[in-house]
């Protein structure tokens, strides 16, 4: 066997023995919610959306109160945290010599949305009279 053939065989063996593994996981800490800024603007219409429609879309509120004007006020607050973890590991070898490496990372983000809805009974049905929402991401 000549030198070129031995070199090609050594490279083939090195390629076969090298490996690389990368894993990434995304873990939502809380369940997903229909309470998003987009869903709020699609669902809530002043003097049209009923209290029943609000419950069907967003579920039960976190807090129910009554303001000085006699309107029923519902407050929703949702918080979600998403964590991303990743790791990679690699190893390359040429016959008996080798090189190894490892790396890992972690990233976390949080999102909060608060929605306040006011209801008034009009014609025997409780309708949305006003609403406001605030969202933050960090």
Protein backbone atom coordinates (compact mmCIF):
# COMPACT_ATOMS: atom_id res chain seq x y z
CA UNK A 1 0.00 0.00 0.00
CA UNK A 2 1.26 3.45 -0.84
CA UNK A 3 1.18 6.57 1.33
CA UNK A 4 -1.90 8.03 -0.43
CA UNK A 5 -3.93 4.87 0.20
CA UNK A 6 -2.92 4.81 3.88
CA UNK A 7 -3.87 8.47 4.26
CA UNK A 8 -7.28 7.91 2.67
CA UNK A 9 -7.96 4.93 4.93
CA UNK A 10 -6.90 6.94 8.01
CA UNK A 11 -9.25 9.78 7.01
CA UNK A 12 -12.14 7.35 6.45
CA UNK A 13 -11.59 5.78 9.87
CA UNK A 14 -11.36 9.23 11.52
CA UNK A 15 -14.61 10.31 9.88
CA UNK A 16 -16.36 7.13 10.98
CA UNK A 17 -15.17 7.48 14.58
CA UNK A 18 -16.07 11.15 14.97
CA UNK A 19 -19.46 12.17 16.29
CA UNK A 20 -21.46 15.18 17.32
CA UNK A 21 -24.62 15.34 19.41
CA UNK A 22 -26.77 18.43 19.91
CA UNK A 23 -29.89 18.54 22.05
CA UNK A 24 -32.27 21.39 22.67
CA UNK A 25 -35.33 21.43 24.87
CA UNK A 26 -38.01 24.06 25.30
CA UNK A 27 -40.04 23.76 28.46
CA UNK A 28 -43.06 25.97 29.05
CA UNK A 29 -43.51 26.30 32.78
CA UNK A 30 -47.20 27.17 32.54
CA UNK A 31 -49.85 25.96 30.13
CA UNK A 32 -50.64 28.01 27.06
CA UNK A 33 -53.53 30.43 27.41
CA UNK A 34 -55.99 32.01 24.98
CA UNK A 35 -55.29 35.29 26.73
CA UNK A 36 -53.09 37.07 24.18
CA UNK A 37 -53.17 40.63 22.86
CA UNK A 38 -54.38 39.36 19.49
CA UNK A 39 -57.17 37.28 21.02
CA UNK A 40 -58.28 40.25 23.16
CA UNK A 41 -58.67 42.52 20.11
CA UNK A 42 -60.44 39.77 18.12
CA UNK A 43 -62.88 38.81 20.88
CA UNK A 44 -63.80 41.93 22.84
CA UNK A 45 -66.18 44.46 21.25
CA UNK A 46 -67.74 47.19 23.40
CA UNK A 47 -71.51 46.81 23.92
CA UNK A 48 -71.51 43.60 21.80
CA UNK A 49 -69.47 40.87 23.53
CA UNK A 50 -71.39 39.05 26.29
CA UNK A 51 -70.03 37.84 29.61
CA UNK A 52 -70.65 34.26 28.47
CA UNK A 53 -68.50 34.77 25.36
CA UNK A 54 -65.70 36.15 27.54
CA UNK A 55 -65.79 33.08 29.80
CA UNK A 56 -65.81 30.73 26.78
CA UNK A 57 -62.75 32.45 25.31
CA UNK A 58 -60.61 33.32 28.34
CA UNK A 59 -61.98 31.11 31.12
CA UNK A 60 -62.75 32.27 34.65
CA UNK A 61 -61.24 35.59 35.76
CA UNK A 62 -58.67 35.85 38.55
CA UNK A 63 -60.62 38.58 40.32
CA UNK A 64 -64.24 39.85 40.19
CA UNK A 65 -65.13 43.22 41.75
CA UNK A 66 -67.65 46.03 41.34
CA UNK A 67 -66.68 49.66 40.70
CA UNK A 68 -68.36 52.84 42.01
CA UNK A 69 -70.56 53.05 38.88
CA UNK A 70 -72.06 49.65 39.61
CA UNK A 71 -70.23 47.91 36.76
CA UNK A 72 -68.90 44.41 37.33
CA UNK A 73 -65.13 44.36 36.76
CA UNK A 74 -63.22 41.21 35.82
CA UNK A 75 -59.45 41.04 36.03
CA UNK A 76 -57.36 38.41 34.27
CA UNK A 77 -53.65 38.00 34.80
CA UNK A 78 -51.55 35.34 33.11
CA UNK A 79 -47.85 34.74 33.43
CA UNK A 80 -45.79 32.35 31.33
CA UNK A 81 -42.14 31.42 31.56
CA UNK A 82 -40.35 29.61 28.75
CA UNK A 83 -36.98 27.97 29.35
CA UNK A 84 -34.63 26.88 26.57
CA UNK A 85 -31.77 24.54 27.37
CA UNK A 86 -29.24 23.28 24.85
CA UNK A 87 -26.16 21.13 24.96
CA UNK A 88 -23.73 19.86 22.37
CA UNK A 89 -20.91 17.41 22.54
CA UNK A 90 -18.41 16.41 19.91
CA UNK A 91 -15.44 14.14 19.60
CA UNK A 92 -13.04 13.59 16.73
CA UNK A 93 -10.25 11.06 16.56
CA UNK A 94 -7.47 10.13 14.19
CA UNK A 95 -6.30 6.65 15.11
CA UNK A 96 -5.14 7.11 18.76
CA UNK A 97 -5.20 10.89 19.21
CA UNK A 98 -8.48 12.68 19.88
CA UNK A 99 -10.10 16.04 20.50
CA UNK A 100 -13.27 16.49 22.55
CA UNK A 101 -15.49 19.46 23.29
CA UNK A 102 -18.69 20.25 25.21
CA UNK A 103 -20.91 23.29 25.41
CA UNK A 104 -24.23 24.07 27.00
CA UNK A 105 -26.58 27.02 27.38
CA UNK A 106 -29.73 28.08 29.16
CA UNK A 107 -32.13 30.89 28.27
CA UNK A 108 -35.34 31.91 30.00
CA UNK A 109 -38.01 34.45 29.03
CA UNK A 110 -41.16 35.61 30.82
CA UNK A 111 -44.41 37.06 29.55
CA UNK A 112 -47.21 38.66 31.55
CA UNK A 113 -50.58 39.94 30.36
CA UNK A 114 -53.20 41.72 32.44
CA UNK A 115 -56.74 42.26 31.14
CA UNK A 116 -59.41 44.32 32.88
CA UNK A 117 -62.98 44.10 31.55
CA UNK A 118 -66.01 46.13 32.69
CA UNK A 119 -69.54 44.75 32.27
CA UNK A 120 -72.95 46.37 32.54
CA UNK A 121 -76.34 44.75 32.27
CA UNK A 122 -78.10 46.01 29.13
CA UNK A 123 -81.44 44.50 28.19
CA UNK A 124 -81.04 41.61 30.62
CA UNK A 125 -77.61 40.60 29.23
CA UNK A 126 -74.23 41.55 30.71
CA UNK A 127 -72.15 43.17 27.95
CA UNK A 128 -68.57 44.44 27.80
CA UNK A 129 -68.69 48.23 28.27
CA UNK A 130 -64.93 48.83 28.41
CA UNK A 131 -61.65 46.92 28.60
CA UNK A 132 -57.91 47.49 28.76
CA UNK A 133 -54.93 45.19 28.55
CA UNK A 134 -51.21 45.44 29.22
CA UNK A 135 -48.52 42.96 28.33
CA UNK A 136 -44.83 42.73 29.16
CA UNK A 137 -42.06 40.47 27.93
CA UNK A 138 -38.62 40.13 29.42
